[in-house]
Amino acid sequence: MIIGEPIKYNGEFKIINDLKISYVSQSTENLKGPLKEFSRENKLEESIFKAMLSKLGFSKIDFDTNIDKMSEGQKKKVLIAKSISEQANIYIWDEPLNYIDILSRIQIEDAILKYKPTLIFVEHDEAFVERVATKIVYIENDK
């Protein structure tokens, strides 16, 4: 609901008009093209975006690779670096650790703990959740 998905609910739901949300999707399937074009299309400061990618393990060679040719882990890092590069009031990440290697996971944890963004995330990795979350909501699926 917060990111605009049509979800049935009861009650009242309001979002202030100037709320800036940064979203990391679980899916990477729509990512394509050069990083330079991606940063321009998403109105990112390219130098900050590339610095975030470097911190997540990207090399200069990776910067010249089209996103659709990258591994799933690299694509997820592109989404996370995009989100981190944006100034937002709230960050919403859907399974941010999918395809992420252990070193990058530690770097993401450290960044969250250092900068303390307002972050809502869905994640199955209990150790990550326990380390970075300040509140946990468990959702059970009754099928």
N, C-alpha and C. Protein backbone atom coordinates (compact mmCIF):
# COMPACT_ATOMS: atom_id res chain seq x y z
N MET A 1 0.82 -1.20 0.00
CA MET A 1 0.00 0.00 0.00
C MET A 1 0.86 1.26 0.00
N ILE A 2 1.95 1.23 0.75
CA ILE A 2 2.79 2.42 0.86
C ILE A 2 3.41 2.79 -0.48
N ILE A 3 3.75 1.79 -1.29
CA ILE A 3 4.36 2.08 -2.59
C ILE A 3 3.32 2.19 -3.71
N GLY A 4 2.05 2.12 -3.34
CA GLY A 4 0.99 2.34 -4.32
C GLY A 4 0.37 1.09 -4.91
N GLU A 5 0.72 -0.07 -4.38
CA GLU A 5 0.11 -1.31 -4.87
C GLU A 5 -1.35 -1.37 -4.41
N PRO A 6 -2.25 -1.83 -5.28
CA PRO A 6 -3.66 -1.94 -4.89
C PRO A 6 -3.88 -3.17 -4.00
N ILE A 7 -4.05 -2.93 -2.72
CA ILE A 7 -4.23 -4.00 -1.75
C ILE A 7 -5.52 -3.74 -0.98
N LYS A 8 -6.34 -4.78 -0.82
CA LYS A 8 -7.57 -4.63 -0.05
C LYS A 8 -7.23 -4.45 1.42
N TYR A 9 -7.90 -3.53 2.05
CA TYR A 9 -7.69 -3.30 3.48
C TYR A 9 -8.93 -2.66 4.07
N ASN A 10 -9.01 -2.71 5.38
CA ASN A 10 -10.08 -2.05 6.13
C ASN A 10 -9.47 -0.90 6.90
N GLY A 11 -10.21 0.18 7.03
CA GLY A 11 -9.72 1.31 7.80
C GLY A 11 -9.27 2.44 6.91
N GLU A 12 -8.54 3.36 7.51
CA GLU A 12 -8.09 4.56 6.81
C GLU A 12 -6.58 4.49 6.59
N PHE A 13 -6.15 4.90 5.39
CA PHE A 13 -4.73 4.87 5.05
C PHE A 13 -4.38 6.20 4.40
N LYS A 14 -3.43 6.92 4.98
CA LYS A 14 -3.03 8.22 4.43
C LYS A 14 -1.51 8.28 4.32
N ILE A 15 -1.05 8.91 3.24
CA ILE A 15 0.37 9.20 3.05
C ILE A 15 0.47 10.70 2.78
N ILE A 16 1.40 11.35 3.47
CA ILE A 16 1.57 12.78 3.24
C ILE A 16 2.06 13.02 1.81
N ASN A 17 1.70 14.15 1.24
CA ASN A 17 1.98 14.43 -0.17
C ASN A 17 3.45 14.44 -0.54
N ASP A 18 4.30 14.97 0.30
CA ASP A 18 5.70 15.11 -0.08
C ASP A 18 6.59 13.99 0.48
N LEU A 19 5.99 12.87 0.83
CA LEU A 19 6.76 11.73 1.33
C LEU A 19 7.57 11.13 0.19
N LYS A 20 8.88 11.04 0.35
CA LYS A 20 9.77 10.47 -0.66
C LYS A 20 10.10 9.05 -0.25
N ILE A 21 9.71 8.09 -1.09
CA ILE A 21 9.91 6.67 -0.83
C ILE A 21 10.94 6.13 -1.81
N SER A 22 11.88 5.35 -1.29
CA SER A 22 12.84 4.65 -2.13
C SER A 22 12.55 3.16 -2.00
N TYR A 23 12.34 2.50 -3.12
CA TYR A 23 11.88 1.10 -3.11
C TYR A 23 12.89 0.18 -3.82
N VAL A 24 13.19 -0.94 -3.18
CA VAL A 24 13.98 -1.99 -3.79
C VAL A 24 13.07 -3.19 -3.99
N SER A 25 12.83 -3.52 -5.24
CA SER A 25 11.96 -4.63 -5.59
C SER A 25 12.66 -5.97 -5.37
N GLN A 26 11.88 -6.98 -5.12
CA GLN A 26 12.42 -8.33 -5.04
C GLN A 26 12.90 -8.78 -6.43
N SER A 27 12.21 -8.34 -7.45
CA SER A 27 12.50 -8.75 -8.82
C SER A 27 13.54 -7.84 -9.47
N THR A 28 14.40 -8.45 -10.27
CA THR A 28 15.39 -7.70 -11.04
C THR A 28 15.15 -7.84 -12.54
N GLU A 29 14.06 -8.47 -12.93
CA GLU A 29 13.84 -8.84 -14.33
C GLU A 29 13.72 -7.66 -15.29
N ASN A 30 13.34 -6.49 -14.83
CA ASN A 30 13.17 -5.34 -15.74
C ASN A 30 14.43 -4.50 -15.89
N LEU A 31 15.52 -4.90 -15.25
CA LEU A 31 16.76 -4.12 -15.33
C LEU A 31 17.48 -4.42 -16.64
N LYS A 32 17.89 -3.35 -17.32
CA LYS A 32 18.62 -3.52 -18.58
C LYS A 32 19.35 -2.24 -18.93
N GLY A 33 20.25 -2.35 -19.87
CA GLY A 33 20.97 -1.19 -20.38
C GLY A 33 22.20 -0.84 -19.57
N PRO A 34 22.91 0.19 -20.01
CA PRO A 34 24.12 0.63 -19.31
C PRO A 34 23.81 1.32 -17.97
N LEU A 35 24.74 1.22 -17.04
CA LEU A 35 24.58 1.86 -15.73
C LEU A 35 24.41 3.37 -15.85
N LYS A 36 25.13 3.97 -16.78
CA LYS A 36 25.04 5.42 -16.99
C LYS A 36 23.61 5.82 -17.33
N GLU A 37 22.99 5.06 -18.23
CA GLU A 37 21.61 5.33 -18.63
C GLU A 37 20.65 5.07 -17.46
N PHE A 38 20.89 4.01 -16.72
CA PHE A 38 20.06 3.68 -15.55
C PHE A 38 20.10 4.82 -14.54
N SER A 39 21.29 5.35 -14.27
CA SER A 39 21.40 6.43 -13.29
C SER A 39 20.71 7.70 -13.80
N ARG A 40 20.81 7.96 -15.08
CA ARG A 40 20.16 9.14 -15.65
C ARG A 40 18.63 8.99 -15.60
N GLU A 41 18.12 7.82 -15.99
CA GLU A 41 16.68 7.58 -15.99
C GLU A 41 16.09 7.68 -14.57
N ASN A 42 16.88 7.32 -13.57
CA ASN A 42 16.41 7.34 -12.19
C ASN A 42 16.80 8.62 -11.44
N LYS A 43 17.33 9.59 -12.19
CA LYS A 43 17.71 10.90 -11.64
C LYS A 43 18.67 10.77 -10.46
N LEU A 44 19.67 9.91 -10.65
CA LEU A 44 20.69 9.69 -9.63
C LEU A 44 21.93 10.51 -9.96
N GLU A 45 22.62 10.95 -8.95
CA GLU A 45 23.93 11.56 -9.15
C GLU A 45 24.86 10.40 -9.47
N GLU A 46 25.35 10.34 -10.71
CA GLU A 46 26.11 9.18 -11.19
C GLU A 46 27.32 8.87 -10.32
N SER A 47 28.04 9.88 -9.88
CA SER A 47 29.25 9.63 -9.08
C SER A 47 28.90 8.99 -7.73
N ILE A 48 27.80 9.42 -7.12
CA ILE A 48 27.37 8.83 -5.84
C ILE A 48 26.90 7.40 -6.07
N PHE A 49 26.12 7.19 -7.13
CA PHE A 49 25.63 5.86 -7.48
C PHE A 49 26.79 4.88 -7.71
N LYS A 50 27.77 5.31 -8.48
CA LYS A 50 28.93 4.44 -8.75
C LYS A 50 29.77 4.22 -7.50
N ALA A 51 29.85 5.21 -6.63
CA ALA A 51 30.57 5.03 -5.37
C ALA A 51 29.89 3.97 -4.52
N MET A 52 28.55 3.97 -4.49
CA MET A 52 27.80 2.95 -3.74
C MET A 52 28.04 1.57 -4.35
N LEU A 53 28.04 1.51 -5.68
CA LEU A 53 28.31 0.23 -6.35
C LEU A 53 29.72 -0.27 -6.03
N SER A 54 30.67 0.64 -6.01
CA SER A 54 32.05 0.27 -5.65
C SER A 54 32.10 -0.31 -4.24
N LYS A 55 31.38 0.32 -3.32
CA LYS A 55 31.35 -0.17 -1.93
C LYS A 55 30.71 -1.55 -1.85
N LEU A 56 29.88 -1.88 -2.85
CA LEU A 56 29.25 -3.20 -2.88
C LEU A 56 30.03 -4.18 -3.75
N GLY A 57 31.25 -3.81 -4.13
CA GLY A 57 32.13 -4.75 -4.81
C GLY A 57 32.20 -4.64 -6.32
N PHE A 58 31.62 -3.63 -6.92
CA PHE A 58 31.70 -3.46 -8.36
C PHE A 58 33.10 -2.98 -8.74
N SER A 59 33.60 -3.48 -9.87
CA SER A 59 34.89 -3.04 -10.40
C SER A 59 34.63 -2.11 -11.59
N LYS A 60 35.70 -1.50 -12.09
CA LYS A 60 35.56 -0.61 -13.25
C LYS A 60 35.02 -1.37 -14.46
N ILE A 61 35.38 -2.63 -14.59
CA ILE A 61 34.87 -3.45 -15.70
C ILE A 61 33.36 -3.62 -15.58
N ASP A 62 32.87 -3.81 -14.34
CA ASP A 62 31.43 -3.97 -14.12
C ASP A 62 30.65 -2.74 -14.56
N PHE A 63 31.27 -1.54 -14.42
CA PHE A 63 30.58 -0.31 -14.79
C PHE A 63 30.29 -0.24 -16.29
N ASP A 64 31.04 -1.00 -17.10
CA ASP A 64 30.83 -1.01 -18.54
C ASP A 64 29.95 -2.16 -19.02
N THR A 65 29.45 -2.97 -18.09
CA THR A 65 28.60 -4.11 -18.44
C THR A 65 27.14 -3.69 -18.42
N ASN A 66 26.39 -4.07 -19.46
CA ASN A 66 24.95 -3.82 -19.46
C ASN A 66 24.31 -4.58 -18.30
N ILE A 67 23.34 -3.95 -17.67
CA ILE A 67 22.72 -4.54 -16.48
C ILE A 67 22.10 -5.90 -16.79
N ASP A 68 21.48 -6.05 -17.96
CA ASP A 68 20.83 -7.32 -18.29
C ASP A 68 21.84 -8.47 -18.46
N LYS A 69 23.12 -8.16 -18.58
CA LYS A 69 24.16 -9.19 -18.69
C LYS A 69 24.80 -9.51 -17.33
N MET A 70 24.40 -8.80 -16.29
CA MET A 70 24.98 -9.01 -14.96
C MET A 70 24.34 -10.21 -14.26
N SER A 71 25.02 -10.70 -13.24
CA SER A 71 24.47 -11.77 -12.41
C SER A 71 23.30 -11.23 -11.60
N GLU A 72 22.50 -12.11 -11.06
CA GLU A 72 21.37 -11.68 -10.22
C GLU A 72 21.86 -10.91 -9.00
N GLY A 73 22.98 -11.32 -8.43
CA GLY A 73 23.54 -10.61 -7.29
C GLY A 73 23.95 -9.20 -7.65
N GLN A 74 24.58 -9.03 -8.83
CA GLN A 74 24.97 -7.69 -9.27
C GLN A 74 23.74 -6.82 -9.52
N LYS A 75 22.70 -7.41 -10.10
CA LYS A 75 21.47 -6.66 -10.35
C LYS A 75 20.85 -6.19 -9.04
N LYS A 76 20.86 -7.05 -8.03
CA LYS A 76 20.31 -6.66 -6.73
C LYS A 76 21.13 -5.53 -6.12
N LYS A 77 22.45 -5.59 -6.31
CA LYS A 77 23.32 -4.52 -5.83
C LYS A 77 23.01 -3.21 -6.55
N VAL A 78 22.68 -3.27 -7.83
CA VAL A 78 22.29 -2.06 -8.57
C VAL A 78 21.06 -1.43 -7.92
N LEU A 79 20.08 -2.26 -7.57
CA LEU A 79 18.86 -1.73 -6.94
C LEU A 79 19.15 -1.15 -5.56
N ILE A 80 19.99 -1.83 -4.79
CA ILE A 80 20.32 -1.33 -3.45
C ILE A 80 21.14 -0.04 -3.54
N ALA A 81 22.11 0.00 -4.45
CA ALA A 81 22.91 1.21 -4.63
C ALA A 81 22.04 2.37 -5.08
N LYS A 82 21.08 2.10 -5.95
CA LYS A 82 20.13 3.14 -6.38
C LYS A 82 19.39 3.68 -5.17
N SER A 83 18.87 2.79 -4.35
CA SER A 83 18.09 3.20 -3.19
C SER A 83 18.94 4.01 -2.21
N ILE A 84 20.13 3.52 -1.93
CA ILE A 84 21.02 4.21 -0.99
C ILE A 84 21.40 5.60 -1.53
N SER A 85 21.49 5.72 -2.85
CA SER A 85 21.88 6.99 -3.48
C SER A 85 20.77 8.03 -3.45
N GLU A 86 19.55 7.58 -3.22
CA GLU A 86 18.41 8.50 -3.20
C GLU A 86 18.21 9.06 -1.79
N GLN A 87 17.84 10.30 -1.72
CA GLN A 87 17.47 10.87 -0.43
C GLN A 87 15.97 10.66 -0.29
N ALA A 88 15.60 9.87 0.71
CA ALA A 88 14.19 9.53 0.90
C ALA A 88 13.83 9.64 2.38
N ASN A 89 12.53 9.76 2.62
CA ASN A 89 12.03 9.75 3.99
C ASN A 89 11.92 8.33 4.52
N ILE A 90 11.62 7.42 3.61
CA ILE A 90 11.44 6.02 4.00
C ILE A 90 11.97 5.12 2.88
N TYR A 91 12.62 4.05 3.29
CA TYR A 91 13.16 3.07 2.35
C TYR A 91 12.39 1.78 2.54
N ILE A 92 11.93 1.21 1.44
CA ILE A 92 11.19 -0.05 1.49
C ILE A 92 11.94 -1.04 0.60
N TRP A 93 12.44 -2.11 1.24
CA TRP A 93 13.22 -3.11 0.51
C TRP A 93 12.56 -4.46 0.62
N ASP A 94 12.28 -5.08 -0.53
CA ASP A 94 11.66 -6.40 -0.59
C ASP A 94 12.74 -7.45 -0.84
N GLU A 95 13.04 -8.21 0.19
CA GLU A 95 14.07 -9.26 0.15
C GLU A 95 15.40 -8.73 -0.40
N PRO A 96 16.01 -7.78 0.30
CA PRO A 96 17.24 -7.17 -0.20
C PRO A 96 18.43 -8.12 -0.30
N LEU A 97 18.42 -9.21 0.43
CA LEU A 97 19.58 -10.10 0.42
C LEU A 97 19.50 -11.22 -0.61
N ASN A 98 18.43 -11.26 -1.41
CA ASN A 98 18.37 -12.26 -2.47
C ASN A 98 19.60 -12.11 -3.37
N TYR A 99 20.31 -13.20 -3.57
CA TYR A 99 21.47 -13.28 -4.47
C TYR A 99 22.70 -12.51 -3.97
N ILE A 100 22.67 -11.99 -2.75
CA ILE A 100 23.77 -11.17 -2.24
C ILE A 100 24.79 -12.05 -1.53
N ASP A 101 26.08 -11.83 -1.84
CA ASP A 101 27.16 -12.58 -1.21
C ASP A 101 27.37 -12.08 0.23
N ILE A 102 28.11 -12.86 1.01
CA ILE A 102 28.27 -12.57 2.44
C ILE A 102 28.99 -11.24 2.69
N LEU A 103 30.00 -10.92 1.91
CA LEU A 103 30.71 -9.65 2.11
C LEU A 103 29.78 -8.46 1.86
N SER A 104 29.00 -8.52 0.80
CA SER A 104 28.06 -7.43 0.51
C SER A 104 26.98 -7.35 1.58
N ARG A 105 26.56 -8.49 2.08
CA ARG A 105 25.56 -8.51 3.15
C ARG A 105 26.09 -7.76 4.37
N ILE A 106 27.33 -8.03 4.73
CA ILE A 106 27.95 -7.36 5.88
C ILE A 106 28.03 -5.85 5.62
N GLN A 107 28.39 -5.46 4.40
CA GLN A 107 28.48 -4.05 4.05
C GLN A 107 27.10 -3.37 4.14
N ILE A 108 26.06 -4.06 3.70
CA ILE A 108 24.70 -3.53 3.78
C ILE A 108 24.28 -3.39 5.23
N GLU A 109 24.55 -4.42 6.03
CA GLU A 109 24.23 -4.36 7.48
C GLU A 109 24.93 -3.17 8.13
N ASP A 110 26.21 -3.03 7.86
CA ASP A 110 26.99 -1.95 8.47
C ASP A 110 26.44 -0.57 8.08
N ALA A 111 26.05 -0.42 6.81
CA ALA A 111 25.50 0.86 6.35
C ALA A 111 24.18 1.17 7.05
N ILE A 112 23.33 0.16 7.19
CA ILE A 112 22.05 0.35 7.88
C ILE A 112 22.30 0.74 9.34
N LEU A 113 23.20 0.04 10.00
CA LEU A 113 23.48 0.34 11.40
C LEU A 113 24.14 1.70 11.59
N LYS A 114 24.94 2.12 10.62
CA LYS A 114 25.63 3.41 10.72
C LYS A 114 24.68 4.58 10.46
N TYR A 115 23.91 4.49 9.37
CA TYR A 115 23.09 5.62 8.95
C TYR A 115 21.68 5.61 9.52
N LYS A 116 21.22 4.44 9.99
CA LYS A 116 19.92 4.30 10.64
C LYS A 116 18.76 4.90 9.83
N PRO A 117 18.61 4.49 8.57
CA PRO A 117 17.49 5.03 7.79
C PRO A 117 16.16 4.48 8.31
N THR A 118 15.09 5.18 8.00
CA THR A 118 13.76 4.63 8.27
C THR A 118 13.53 3.60 7.18
N LEU A 119 13.56 2.35 7.57
CA LEU A 119 13.58 1.24 6.61
C LEU A 119 12.54 0.21 6.99
N ILE A 120 11.71 -0.14 6.02
CA ILE A 120 10.78 -1.26 6.16
C ILE A 120 11.27 -2.30 5.18
N PHE A 121 11.50 -3.51 5.66
CA PHE A 121 11.98 -4.53 4.73
C PHE A 121 11.37 -5.89 5.04
N VAL A 122 11.31 -6.71 4.00
CA VAL A 122 10.88 -8.10 4.10
C VAL A 122 12.13 -8.92 3.87
N GLU A 123 12.43 -9.83 4.79
CA GLU A 123 13.64 -10.63 4.64
C GLU A 123 13.48 -11.94 5.41
N HIS A 124 13.96 -13.03 4.81
CA HIS A 124 13.88 -14.34 5.44
C HIS A 124 15.13 -14.68 6.24
N ASP A 125 16.19 -13.93 6.08
CA ASP A 125 17.44 -14.18 6.79
C ASP A 125 17.31 -13.66 8.23
N GLU A 126 17.06 -14.58 9.16
CA GLU A 126 16.78 -14.19 10.54
C GLU A 126 17.96 -13.48 11.21
N ALA A 127 19.17 -13.87 10.91
CA ALA A 127 20.34 -13.24 11.52
C ALA A 127 20.43 -11.77 11.09
N PHE A 128 20.19 -11.49 9.82
CA PHE A 128 20.17 -10.12 9.31
C PHE A 128 19.07 -9.32 10.00
N VAL A 129 17.87 -9.90 10.06
CA VAL A 129 16.73 -9.22 10.68
C VAL A 129 17.05 -8.87 12.13
N GLU A 130 17.54 -9.83 12.88
CA GLU A 130 17.84 -9.60 14.29
C GLU A 130 18.94 -8.56 14.49
N ARG A 131 19.86 -8.48 13.54
CA ARG A 131 20.97 -7.53 13.67
C ARG A 131 20.54 -6.09 13.35
N VAL A 132 19.69 -5.88 12.34
CA VAL A 132 19.41 -4.52 11.90
C VAL A 132 18.03 -3.99 12.28
N ALA A 133 17.08 -4.86 12.54
CA ALA A 133 15.71 -4.40 12.80
C ALA A 133 15.55 -3.87 14.22
N THR A 134 14.76 -2.81 14.34
CA THR A 134 14.41 -2.30 15.67
C THR A 134 13.05 -2.82 16.10
N LYS A 135 12.23 -3.20 15.15
CA LYS A 135 10.93 -3.84 15.42
C LYS A 135 10.71 -4.91 14.36
N ILE A 136 10.12 -6.01 14.78
CA ILE A 136 9.89 -7.13 13.86
C ILE A 136 8.41 -7.48 13.88
N VAL A 137 7.84 -7.65 12.69
CA VAL A 137 6.46 -8.10 12.55
C VAL A 137 6.52 -9.42 11.78
N TYR A 138 5.99 -10.48 12.39
CA TYR A 138 5.95 -11.78 11.74
C TYR A 138 4.61 -11.94 11.05
N ILE A 139 4.64 -12.37 9.81
CA ILE A 139 3.41 -12.58 9.04
C ILE A 139 3.33 -14.05 8.69
N GLU A 140 2.23 -14.65 9.04
CA GLU A 140 2.02 -16.06 8.71
C GLU A 140 1.06 -16.14 7.55
N ASN A 141 1.29 -17.09 6.70
CA ASN A 141 0.45 -17.31 5.55
C ASN A 141 -0.45 -18.51 5.83
N ASP A 142 -1.73 -18.27 5.96
CA ASP A 142 -2.69 -19.36 6.22
C ASP A 142 -3.27 -19.83 4.90
N LYS A 143 -2.65 -20.86 4.32
CA LYS A 143 -3.15 -21.38 3.04
C LYS A 143 -4.00 -22.58 3.28
